[in-house]
């Protein structure tokens, strides 16, 4: 049985077209936000903002950009990606706990 776009009902094609348009819109908005975050980060470094403010801000901007990359460009928000997402969250949790553990051992 051949699956072509002509065999699909008109409503199905319109629905898919609308979904693709919405997904493209989200990706463009996310891309623009990531570029904006990058410019903000570069601007803070160039203007030599106080390091007590800039380091946490840069870390937060980096984390937000990673989340945008995963959810919008790697399609982790779509159905069928729950197991890879759980593995990544588990790995991030283990990495975070490891960093906290070693930081507390070193500084305590």
C-alpha atoms as a PDB file:
ATOM      1  CA  UNK A   1       0.000   0.000   0.000  1.00  0.00           C
ATOM      2  CA  UNK A   2       1.522   3.280  -1.077  1.00  0.00           C
ATOM      3  CA  UNK A   3       1.535   6.178   1.365  1.00  0.00           C
ATOM      4  CA  UNK A   4       1.438   9.410  -0.557  1.00  0.00           C
ATOM      5  CA  UNK A   5       0.119  12.798   0.366  1.00  0.00           C
ATOM      6  CA  UNK A   6      -2.640  12.392  -2.233  1.00  0.00           C
ATOM      7  CA  UNK A   7      -4.188   9.423  -0.431  1.00  0.00           C
ATOM      8  CA  UNK A   8      -4.612  11.371   2.820  1.00  0.00           C
ATOM      9  CA  UNK A   9      -7.835  13.223   3.472  1.00  0.00           C
ATOM     10  CA  UNK A  10      -7.814  16.957   3.039  1.00  0.00           C
ATOM     11  CA  UNK A  11      -8.325  17.571   6.764  1.00  0.00           C
ATOM     12  CA  UNK A  12      -5.331  15.416   7.655  1.00  0.00           C
ATOM     13  CA  UNK A  13      -3.077  17.334   5.258  1.00  0.00           C
ATOM     14  CA  UNK A  14      -4.299  20.665   6.619  1.00  0.00           C
ATOM     15  CA  UNK A  15      -3.752  19.486  10.185  1.00  0.00           C
ATOM     16  CA  UNK A  16      -0.207  18.321   9.421  1.00  0.00           C
ATOM     17  CA  UNK A  17       0.543  21.549   7.579  1.00  0.00           C
ATOM     18  CA  UNK A  18      -0.698  23.554  10.562  1.00  0.00           C
ATOM     19  CA  UNK A  19       1.379  21.430  12.965  1.00  0.00           C
ATOM     20  CA  UNK A  20       4.526  21.876  10.864  1.00  0.00           C
ATOM     21  CA  UNK A  21       3.934  25.617  10.638  1.00  0.00           C
ATOM     22  CA  UNK A  22       3.499  25.865  14.417  1.00  0.00           C
ATOM     23  CA  UNK A  23       6.634  23.792  15.043  1.00  0.00           C
ATOM     24  CA  UNK A  24       8.660  25.951  12.652  1.00  0.00           C
ATOM     25  CA  UNK A  25       7.379  29.082  14.387  1.00  0.00           C
ATOM     26  CA  UNK A  26       8.468  27.698  17.781  1.00  0.00           C
ATOM     27  CA  UNK A  27      11.901  26.791  16.435  1.00  0.00           C
ATOM     28  CA  UNK A  28      12.426  30.258  14.948  1.00  0.00           C
ATOM     29  CA  UNK A  29      11.359  31.949  18.204  1.00  0.00           C
ATOM     30  CA  UNK A  30      13.650  29.653  20.185  1.00  0.00           C
ATOM     31  CA  UNK A  31      16.552  30.337  17.826  1.00  0.00           C
ATOM     32  CA  UNK A  32      16.053  34.102  18.148  1.00  0.00           C
ATOM     33  CA  UNK A  33      15.939  33.791  21.954  1.00  0.00           C
ATOM     34  CA  UNK A  34      19.155  31.757  21.984  1.00  0.00           C
ATOM     35  CA  UNK A  35      20.900  34.370  19.820  1.00  0.00           C
ATOM     36  CA  UNK A  36      19.600  37.092  22.153  1.00  0.00           C
ATOM     37  CA  UNK A  37      20.903  35.205  25.212  1.00  0.00           C
ATOM     38  CA  UNK A  38      24.285  34.854  23.509  1.00  0.00           C
ATOM     39  CA  UNK A  39      24.429  38.594  22.789  1.00  0.00           C
ATOM     40  CA  UNK A  40      23.478  39.343  26.396  1.00  0.00           C
ATOM     41  CA  UNK A  41      26.244  37.050  27.637  1.00  0.00           C
ATOM     42  CA  UNK A  42      28.841  38.596  25.309  1.00  0.00           C
ATOM     43  CA  UNK A  43      27.670  42.094  26.245  1.00  0.00           C
ATOM     44  CA  UNK A  44      28.051  41.370  29.955  1.00  0.00           C
ATOM     45  CA  UNK A  45      31.566  40.043  29.417  1.00  0.00           C
ATOM     46  CA  UNK A  46      32.589  42.942  27.173  1.00  0.00           C
ATOM     47  CA  UNK A  47      31.204  45.508  29.648  1.00  0.00           C
ATOM     48  CA  UNK A  48      33.153  43.750  32.432  1.00  0.00           C
ATOM     49  CA  UNK A  49      30.192  43.269  34.735  1.00  0.00           C
ATOM     50  CA  UNK A  50      30.988  42.266  38.333  1.00  0.00           C
ATOM     51  CA  UNK A  51      32.044  38.598  38.447  1.00  0.00           C
ATOM     52  CA  UNK A  52      29.703  37.840  41.376  1.00  0.00           C
ATOM     53  CA  UNK A  53      26.796  38.686  39.083  1.00  0.00           C
ATOM     54  CA  UNK A  54      28.106  37.533  35.715  1.00  0.00           C
ATOM     55  CA  UNK A  55      29.100  33.946  36.597  1.00  0.00           C
ATOM     56  CA  UNK A  56      25.676  32.820  37.913  1.00  0.00           C
ATOM     57  CA  UNK A  57      23.942  34.706  35.100  1.00  0.00           C
ATOM     58  CA  UNK A  58      26.086  33.025  32.439  1.00  0.00           C
ATOM     59  CA  UNK A  59      25.435  29.620  34.001  1.00  0.00           C
ATOM     60  CA  UNK A  60      21.676  30.248  34.025  1.00  0.00           C
ATOM     61  CA  UNK A  61      21.732  31.449  30.403  1.00  0.00           C
ATOM     62  CA  UNK A  62      23.724  28.342  29.414  1.00  0.00           C
ATOM     63  CA  UNK A  63      21.257  26.029  31.157  1.00  0.00           C
ATOM     64  CA  UNK A  64      18.308  27.751  29.470  1.00  0.00           C
ATOM     65  CA  UNK A  65      20.007  27.394  26.093  1.00  0.00           C
ATOM     66  CA  UNK A  66      20.652  23.688  26.689  1.00  0.00           C
ATOM     67  CA  UNK A  67      16.977  23.187  27.559  1.00  0.00           C
ATOM     68  CA  UNK A  68      15.943  25.037  24.383  1.00  0.00           C
ATOM     69  CA  UNK A  69      18.332  22.881  22.341  1.00  0.00           C
ATOM     70  CA  UNK A  70      16.982  19.673  23.799  1.00  0.00           C
ATOM     71  CA  UNK A  71      13.295  20.457  23.680  1.00  0.00           C
ATOM     72  CA  UNK A  72      12.963  22.341  20.412  1.00  0.00           C
ATOM     73  CA  UNK A  73      15.885  21.352  18.185  1.00  0.00           C
ATOM     74  CA  UNK A  74      16.354  17.771  19.404  1.00  0.00           C
ATOM     75  CA  UNK A  75      12.536  17.293  19.577  1.00  0.00           C
ATOM     76  CA  UNK A  76      12.575  15.975  23.158  1.00  0.00           C
ATOM     77  CA  UNK A  77       9.134  17.535  23.694  1.00  0.00           C
ATOM     78  CA  UNK A  78       7.543  15.162  21.173  1.00  0.00           C
ATOM     79  CA  UNK A  79       5.882  11.870  22.029  1.00  0.00           C
ATOM     80  CA  UNK A  80       8.075   8.797  22.118  1.00  0.00           C
ATOM     81  CA  UNK A  81      11.060  10.504  23.703  1.00  0.00           C
ATOM     82  CA  UNK A  82      10.260   9.795  27.348  1.00  0.00           C
ATOM     83  CA  UNK A  83      12.954   7.164  27.887  1.00  0.00           C
ATOM     84  CA  UNK A  84      15.816   9.223  26.389  1.00  0.00           C
ATOM     85  CA  UNK A  85      14.575  12.235  28.360  1.00  0.00           C
ATOM     86  CA  UNK A  86      14.512  10.237  31.604  1.00  0.00           C
ATOM     87  CA  UNK A  87      18.031   8.949  30.941  1.00  0.00           C
ATOM     88  CA  UNK A  88      19.271  12.477  30.318  1.00  0.00           C
ATOM     89  CA  UNK A  89      17.564  13.804  33.445  1.00  0.00           C
ATOM     90  CA  UNK A  90      19.018  10.930  35.440  1.00  0.00           C
ATOM     91  CA  UNK A  91      22.492  11.647  34.081  1.00  0.00           C
ATOM     92  CA  UNK A  92      22.121  15.352  34.847  1.00  0.00           C
ATOM     93  CA  UNK A  93      20.962  14.526  38.389  1.00  0.00           C
ATOM     94  CA  UNK A  94      23.935  12.207  38.976  1.00  0.00           C
ATOM     95  CA  UNK A  95      26.324  14.812  37.553  1.00  0.00           C
ATOM     96  CA  UNK A  96      24.798  17.528  39.748  1.00  0.00           C
ATOM     97  CA  UNK A  97      24.992  15.382  42.873  1.00  0.00           C
ATOM     98  CA  UNK A  98      28.596  14.485  42.060  1.00  0.00           C
ATOM     99  CA  UNK A  99      29.556  18.133  41.679  1.00  0.00           C
ATOM    100  CA  UNK A 100      27.768  19.067  44.909  1.00  0.00           C
ATOM    101  CA  UNK A 101      29.424  16.169  46.753  1.00  0.00           C
ATOM    102  CA  UNK A 102      32.942  17.000  45.621  1.00  0.00           C
ATOM    103  CA  UNK A 103      32.409  20.726  46.164  1.00  0.00           C
ATOM    104  CA  UNK A 104      31.230  20.102  49.738  1.00  0.00           C
ATOM    105  CA  UNK A 105      34.151  17.698  50.397  1.00  0.00           C
ATOM    106  CA  UNK A 106      36.680  20.221  49.113  1.00  0.00           C
ATOM    107  CA  UNK A 107      35.238  23.327  50.786  1.00  0.00           C
ATOM    108  CA  UNK A 108      33.986  21.866  54.026  1.00  0.00           C
END
